[in-house]
Amino acid sequence: MDELPSIYSNEKDLEQLFFALVDNAIQAADGKNSRQLIISGAVKDEHIELRFADNCSGIAPENLDKIFEPFFTTRPAGEGTGLGLCVVERIVSGAGGKIHVASKAGEGSTFFVTLPINKGRRS
């Protein structure tokens, strides 16, 4: 098996990134009978690309530009802080990466995370 390349981030930040994106999908799936989250990744050129694709409720078009803002949430009062995706965006940008989302309300969302490879190390 080939070794995976190292990236410019630490383990705790990556755990938080995965936790927040998985938790976001779980919350979006609330009440749905058939839920699915597919997490995939690939090494492309100088980057690692991660995809978190769900078949949950999706994001309304008017909210797409707000989802990475601190304290933005569509959850009822007391059920969310609105910090999860903001923290994810800060982790990704702090590692020199990018994040974007493709979503269709009522059908699901896919979060794309691109992180640069640390050429000096292998994990």
N, C-alpha and C. Protein backbone atom coordinates (compact mmCIF):
# COMPACT_ATOMS: atom_id res chain seq x y z
N MET A 1 0.84 -1.19 0.00
CA MET A 1 0.00 0.00 0.00
C MET A 1 0.88 1.24 0.00
N ASP A 2 0.55 2.19 -0.84
CA ASP A 2 1.29 3.45 -0.90
C ASP A 2 1.03 4.26 0.36
N GLU A 3 2.07 4.99 0.77
CA GLU A 3 1.90 5.88 1.91
C GLU A 3 1.06 7.08 1.50
N LEU A 4 0.26 7.55 2.44
CA LEU A 4 -0.53 8.75 2.19
C LEU A 4 0.34 9.98 2.40
N PRO A 5 0.17 10.99 1.58
CA PRO A 5 0.96 12.20 1.77
C PRO A 5 0.50 12.96 3.01
N SER A 6 1.42 13.69 3.58
CA SER A 6 1.13 14.54 4.73
C SER A 6 0.54 15.86 4.24
N ILE A 7 -0.26 16.48 5.09
CA ILE A 7 -0.83 17.79 4.76
C ILE A 7 -0.42 18.79 5.83
N TYR A 8 -0.66 20.07 5.55
CA TYR A 8 -0.32 21.14 6.48
C TYR A 8 -1.46 21.34 7.48
N SER A 9 -1.60 20.43 8.41
CA SER A 9 -2.62 20.55 9.45
C SER A 9 -2.24 19.61 10.58
N ASN A 10 -2.89 19.77 11.71
CA ASN A 10 -2.61 18.84 12.80
C ASN A 10 -3.80 17.90 13.00
N GLU A 11 -3.55 16.84 13.72
CA GLU A 11 -4.54 15.78 13.90
C GLU A 11 -5.83 16.29 14.55
N LYS A 12 -5.72 17.12 15.55
CA LYS A 12 -6.91 17.64 16.25
C LYS A 12 -7.78 18.48 15.32
N ASP A 13 -7.15 19.30 14.50
CA ASP A 13 -7.92 20.11 13.55
C ASP A 13 -8.65 19.22 12.55
N LEU A 14 -7.98 18.18 12.07
CA LEU A 14 -8.64 17.27 11.12
C LEU A 14 -9.79 16.51 11.77
N GLU A 15 -9.60 16.11 13.02
CA GLU A 15 -10.70 15.45 13.75
C GLU A 15 -11.89 16.40 13.85
N GLN A 16 -11.62 17.65 14.17
CA GLN A 16 -12.70 18.63 14.31
C GLN A 16 -13.39 18.88 12.97
N LEU A 17 -12.61 18.94 11.89
CA LEU A 17 -13.17 19.12 10.55
C LEU A 17 -14.11 17.97 10.21
N PHE A 18 -13.64 16.73 10.38
CA PHE A 18 -14.47 15.56 10.08
C PHE A 18 -15.70 15.53 10.98
N PHE A 19 -15.51 15.76 12.26
CA PHE A 19 -16.64 15.73 13.19
C PHE A 19 -17.71 16.74 12.80
N ALA A 20 -17.30 17.97 12.51
CA ALA A 20 -18.27 19.03 12.19
C ALA A 20 -19.02 18.73 10.90
N LEU A 21 -18.33 18.24 9.87
CA LEU A 21 -19.02 17.95 8.61
C LEU A 21 -19.94 16.74 8.73
N VAL A 22 -19.52 15.72 9.48
CA VAL A 22 -20.40 14.56 9.70
C VAL A 22 -21.59 14.96 10.56
N ASP A 23 -21.35 15.72 11.62
CA ASP A 23 -22.44 16.17 12.49
C ASP A 23 -23.43 17.03 11.72
N ASN A 24 -22.93 17.88 10.85
CA ASN A 24 -23.79 18.72 10.03
C ASN A 24 -24.73 17.86 9.17
N ALA A 25 -24.19 16.80 8.58
CA ALA A 25 -25.01 15.90 7.75
C ALA A 25 -26.04 15.16 8.61
N ILE A 26 -25.63 14.73 9.79
CA ILE A 26 -26.56 14.03 10.69
C ILE A 26 -27.71 14.95 11.07
N GLN A 27 -27.40 16.19 11.42
CA GLN A 27 -28.45 17.14 11.78
C GLN A 27 -29.38 17.44 10.60
N ALA A 28 -28.82 17.51 9.40
CA ALA A 28 -29.63 17.78 8.21
C ALA A 28 -30.52 16.60 7.85
N ALA A 29 -30.16 15.40 8.31
CA ALA A 29 -30.92 14.20 7.99
C ALA A 29 -32.04 13.93 8.98
N ASP A 30 -32.15 14.75 10.00
CA ASP A 30 -33.14 14.53 11.05
C ASP A 30 -34.53 14.29 10.46
N GLY A 31 -35.10 13.15 10.81
CA GLY A 31 -36.45 12.82 10.37
C GLY A 31 -36.52 12.13 9.02
N LYS A 32 -35.41 12.00 8.33
CA LYS A 32 -35.42 11.35 7.02
C LYS A 32 -35.19 9.85 7.20
N ASN A 33 -35.98 9.03 6.53
CA ASN A 33 -35.87 7.58 6.68
C ASN A 33 -34.61 7.01 6.05
N SER A 34 -34.29 7.41 4.87
CA SER A 34 -33.13 6.87 4.16
C SER A 34 -32.03 7.92 4.11
N ARG A 35 -31.06 7.77 5.01
CA ARG A 35 -29.98 8.75 5.10
C ARG A 35 -28.69 8.14 4.58
N GLN A 36 -27.89 8.97 3.92
CA GLN A 36 -26.62 8.48 3.40
C GLN A 36 -25.61 9.61 3.42
N LEU A 37 -24.40 9.28 3.87
CA LEU A 37 -23.27 10.20 3.81
C LEU A 37 -22.11 9.42 3.24
N ILE A 38 -21.57 9.89 2.14
CA ILE A 38 -20.41 9.24 1.52
C ILE A 38 -19.22 10.18 1.66
N ILE A 39 -18.16 9.67 2.28
CA ILE A 39 -16.93 10.43 2.43
C ILE A 39 -15.89 9.78 1.53
N SER A 40 -15.30 10.57 0.66
CA SER A 40 -14.29 10.03 -0.24
C SER A 40 -13.12 11.00 -0.33
N GLY A 41 -12.01 10.50 -0.81
CA GLY A 41 -10.83 11.33 -0.94
C GLY A 41 -9.94 10.84 -2.05
N ALA A 42 -9.13 11.74 -2.56
CA ALA A 42 -8.19 11.41 -3.62
C ALA A 42 -7.01 12.37 -3.57
N VAL A 43 -5.87 11.88 -4.02
CA VAL A 43 -4.69 12.73 -4.17
C VAL A 43 -4.68 13.20 -5.61
N LYS A 44 -4.67 14.52 -5.79
CA LYS A 44 -4.65 15.10 -7.13
C LYS A 44 -3.60 16.19 -7.18
N ASP A 45 -2.63 15.99 -8.04
CA ASP A 45 -1.54 16.95 -8.20
C ASP A 45 -0.89 17.24 -6.85
N GLU A 46 -0.97 18.46 -6.40
CA GLU A 46 -0.32 18.89 -5.16
C GLU A 46 -1.29 18.96 -3.99
N HIS A 47 -2.46 18.31 -4.13
CA HIS A 47 -3.52 18.45 -3.12
C HIS A 47 -4.17 17.11 -2.78
N ILE A 48 -4.78 17.10 -1.61
CA ILE A 48 -5.69 16.03 -1.23
C ILE A 48 -7.09 16.62 -1.33
N GLU A 49 -7.97 15.93 -2.02
CA GLU A 49 -9.35 16.38 -2.15
C GLU A 49 -10.27 15.45 -1.39
N LEU A 50 -11.06 16.01 -0.49
CA LEU A 50 -12.04 15.26 0.29
C LEU A 50 -13.43 15.69 -0.13
N ARG A 51 -14.35 14.71 -0.16
CA ARG A 51 -15.75 15.02 -0.48
C ARG A 51 -16.64 14.41 0.59
N PHE A 52 -17.57 15.19 1.07
CA PHE A 52 -18.57 14.76 2.03
C PHE A 52 -19.92 14.97 1.35
N ALA A 53 -20.52 13.90 0.84
CA ALA A 53 -21.76 14.01 0.06
C ALA A 53 -22.90 13.33 0.81
N ASP A 54 -24.01 14.06 1.01
CA ASP A 54 -25.17 13.49 1.70
C ASP A 54 -26.42 13.62 0.85
N ASN A 55 -27.43 12.86 1.23
CA ASN A 55 -28.73 12.93 0.55
C ASN A 55 -29.78 13.51 1.50
N CYS A 56 -29.35 14.44 2.30
CA CYS A 56 -30.22 15.00 3.35
C CYS A 56 -31.06 16.15 2.82
N SER A 57 -31.28 17.15 3.63
CA SER A 57 -32.22 18.21 3.27
C SER A 57 -31.67 19.26 2.32
N GLY A 58 -30.36 19.31 2.14
CA GLY A 58 -29.78 20.33 1.29
C GLY A 58 -29.81 21.71 1.95
N ILE A 59 -29.27 22.67 1.24
CA ILE A 59 -29.18 24.04 1.76
C ILE A 59 -29.96 24.95 0.82
N ALA A 60 -30.82 25.76 1.39
CA ALA A 60 -31.60 26.71 0.59
C ALA A 60 -30.65 27.67 -0.12
N PRO A 61 -30.94 28.01 -1.38
CA PRO A 61 -30.04 28.90 -2.13
C PRO A 61 -29.73 30.21 -1.42
N GLU A 62 -30.70 30.78 -0.72
CA GLU A 62 -30.46 32.06 -0.04
C GLU A 62 -29.52 31.92 1.15
N ASN A 63 -29.24 30.70 1.59
CA ASN A 63 -28.35 30.48 2.73
C ASN A 63 -26.94 30.07 2.32
N LEU A 64 -26.72 29.72 1.07
CA LEU A 64 -25.41 29.22 0.65
C LEU A 64 -24.28 30.19 0.93
N ASP A 65 -24.50 31.47 0.77
CA ASP A 65 -23.45 32.47 1.01
C ASP A 65 -23.21 32.74 2.49
N LYS A 66 -24.05 32.21 3.36
CA LYS A 66 -23.97 32.51 4.80
C LYS A 66 -23.43 31.35 5.64
N ILE A 67 -23.37 30.15 5.09
CA ILE A 67 -23.13 28.96 5.93
C ILE A 67 -21.79 28.95 6.65
N PHE A 68 -20.79 29.68 6.15
CA PHE A 68 -19.49 29.71 6.82
C PHE A 68 -19.35 30.90 7.76
N GLU A 69 -20.39 31.72 7.89
CA GLU A 69 -20.36 32.87 8.79
C GLU A 69 -20.54 32.41 10.24
N PRO A 70 -19.81 33.04 11.19
CA PRO A 70 -19.99 32.67 12.59
C PRO A 70 -21.42 32.91 13.06
N PHE A 71 -21.93 31.96 13.79
CA PHE A 71 -23.25 32.01 14.44
C PHE A 71 -24.42 31.88 13.47
N PHE A 72 -24.16 31.61 12.19
CA PHE A 72 -25.28 31.39 11.27
C PHE A 72 -25.78 29.95 11.43
N THR A 73 -27.06 29.80 11.67
CA THR A 73 -27.67 28.48 11.77
C THR A 73 -29.12 28.55 11.30
N THR A 74 -29.59 27.44 10.79
CA THR A 74 -31.00 27.33 10.41
C THR A 74 -31.73 26.44 11.41
N ARG A 75 -31.02 25.98 12.41
CA ARG A 75 -31.63 25.13 13.44
C ARG A 75 -32.43 25.98 14.42
N PRO A 76 -33.40 25.35 15.07
CA PRO A 76 -34.18 26.09 16.07
C PRO A 76 -33.29 26.59 17.21
N ALA A 77 -33.74 27.63 17.88
CA ALA A 77 -33.00 28.20 19.01
C ALA A 77 -32.66 27.12 20.03
N GLY A 78 -31.42 27.11 20.48
CA GLY A 78 -30.98 26.15 21.47
C GLY A 78 -30.49 24.83 20.89
N GLU A 79 -30.58 24.64 19.57
CA GLU A 79 -30.16 23.37 18.97
C GLU A 79 -28.87 23.47 18.16
N GLY A 80 -28.29 24.62 18.08
CA GLY A 80 -27.04 24.76 17.34
C GLY A 80 -26.42 26.12 17.61
N THR A 81 -25.10 26.16 17.57
CA THR A 81 -24.40 27.42 17.83
C THR A 81 -24.10 28.19 16.56
N GLY A 82 -24.13 27.51 15.43
CA GLY A 82 -23.76 28.17 14.18
C GLY A 82 -22.27 28.35 14.03
N LEU A 83 -21.49 27.55 14.75
CA LEU A 83 -20.03 27.68 14.67
C LEU A 83 -19.35 26.55 13.91
N GLY A 84 -20.01 25.43 13.71
CA GLY A 84 -19.38 24.25 13.11
C GLY A 84 -18.75 24.51 11.76
N LEU A 85 -19.52 25.03 10.81
CA LEU A 85 -18.98 25.25 9.47
C LEU A 85 -18.01 26.43 9.44
N CYS A 86 -18.19 27.39 10.33
CA CYS A 86 -17.23 28.49 10.45
C CYS A 86 -15.87 27.96 10.88
N VAL A 87 -15.87 27.07 11.86
CA VAL A 87 -14.62 26.46 12.34
C VAL A 87 -13.99 25.62 11.23
N VAL A 88 -14.80 24.85 10.51
CA VAL A 88 -14.28 24.05 9.40
C VAL A 88 -13.58 24.94 8.38
N GLU A 89 -14.22 26.04 8.01
CA GLU A 89 -13.63 26.95 7.02
C GLU A 89 -12.32 27.53 7.52
N ARG A 90 -12.24 27.85 8.80
CA ARG A 90 -11.00 28.40 9.36
C ARG A 90 -9.89 27.35 9.41
N ILE A 91 -10.24 26.10 9.71
CA ILE A 91 -9.24 25.02 9.71
C ILE A 91 -8.70 24.83 8.30
N VAL A 92 -9.60 24.78 7.33
CA VAL A 92 -9.19 24.56 5.94
C VAL A 92 -8.34 25.72 5.44
N SER A 93 -8.77 26.95 5.66
CA SER A 93 -7.98 28.10 5.18
C SER A 93 -6.67 28.21 5.94
N GLY A 94 -6.66 27.85 7.23
CA GLY A 94 -5.43 27.86 8.01
C GLY A 94 -4.40 26.87 7.51
N ALA A 95 -4.87 25.80 6.87
CA ALA A 95 -3.98 24.79 6.30
C ALA A 95 -3.62 25.12 4.85
N GLY A 96 -4.08 26.29 4.38
CA GLY A 96 -3.79 26.69 3.00
C GLY A 96 -4.72 26.07 1.98
N GLY A 97 -5.86 25.55 2.45
CA GLY A 97 -6.79 24.88 1.55
C GLY A 97 -8.00 25.71 1.21
N LYS A 98 -8.95 25.03 0.56
CA LYS A 98 -10.20 25.67 0.15
C LYS A 98 -11.36 24.74 0.44
N ILE A 99 -12.53 25.32 0.67
CA ILE A 99 -13.75 24.54 0.86
C ILE A 99 -14.88 25.23 0.10
N HIS A 100 -15.70 24.41 -0.54
CA HIS A 100 -16.91 24.93 -1.15
C HIS A 100 -17.99 23.85 -1.10
N VAL A 101 -19.21 24.27 -1.35
CA VAL A 101 -20.34 23.35 -1.25
C VAL A 101 -21.20 23.46 -2.49
N ALA A 102 -21.71 22.31 -2.91
CA ALA A 102 -22.75 22.25 -3.95
C ALA A 102 -23.97 21.66 -3.26
N SER A 103 -25.11 22.30 -3.40
CA SER A 103 -26.28 21.84 -2.67
C SER A 103 -27.55 22.13 -3.44
N LYS A 104 -28.53 21.25 -3.24
CA LYS A 104 -29.86 21.46 -3.80
C LYS A 104 -30.86 21.20 -2.69
N ALA A 105 -31.63 22.21 -2.36
CA ALA A 105 -32.60 22.09 -1.28
C ALA A 105 -33.51 20.89 -1.52
N GLY A 106 -33.66 20.07 -0.48
CA GLY A 106 -34.50 18.89 -0.55
C GLY A 106 -33.81 17.65 -1.10
N GLU A 107 -32.59 17.81 -1.63
CA GLU A 107 -31.90 16.66 -2.23
C GLU A 107 -30.56 16.32 -1.58
N GLY A 108 -29.86 17.29 -1.04
CA GLY A 108 -28.59 17.00 -0.39
C GLY A 108 -27.51 18.01 -0.71
N SER A 109 -26.35 17.78 -0.09
CA SER A 109 -25.21 18.68 -0.23
C SER A 109 -23.93 17.89 -0.37
N THR A 110 -22.97 18.48 -1.06
CA THR A 110 -21.62 17.93 -1.13
C THR A 110 -20.65 19.03 -0.76
N PHE A 111 -19.85 18.77 0.28
CA PHE A 111 -18.79 19.68 0.68
C PHE A 111 -17.49 19.17 0.07
N PHE A 112 -16.76 20.06 -0.59
CA PHE A 112 -15.49 19.74 -1.23
C PHE A 112 -14.39 20.44 -0.44
N VAL A 113 -13.44 19.68 0.07
CA VAL A 113 -12.32 20.22 0.84
C VAL A 113 -11.04 19.89 0.08
N THR A 114 -10.24 20.91 -0.22
CA THR A 114 -8.97 20.72 -0.91
C THR A 114 -7.87 21.22 0.00
N LEU A 115 -6.91 20.33 0.30
CA LEU A 115 -5.80 20.67 1.21
C LEU A 115 -4.47 20.42 0.50
N PRO A 116 -3.52 21.36 0.61
CA PRO A 116 -2.22 21.16 -0.04
C PRO A 116 -1.40 20.08 0.65
N ILE A 117 -0.65 19.35 -0.16
CA ILE A 117 0.24 18.31 0.35
C ILE A 117 1.51 18.96 0.88
N ASN A 118 1.98 18.46 2.01
CA ASN A 118 3.25 18.87 2.59
C ASN A 118 4.32 18.01 1.93
N LYS A 119 5.02 18.54 0.96
CA LYS A 119 5.97 17.75 0.18
C LYS A 119 7.16 17.26 1.00
N GLY A 120 7.40 17.86 2.14
CA GLY A 120 8.56 17.49 2.94
C GLY A 120 8.38 16.25 3.78
N ARG A 121 7.13 15.75 3.92
CA ARG A 121 6.86 14.62 4.82
C ARG A 121 5.88 13.64 4.21
N ARG A 122 5.93 12.45 4.73
CA ARG A 122 4.92 11.43 4.45
C ARG A 122 4.36 11.01 5.79
N SER A 123 3.05 10.68 5.83
CA SER A 123 2.45 10.26 7.10
C SER A 123 2.47 8.76 7.23
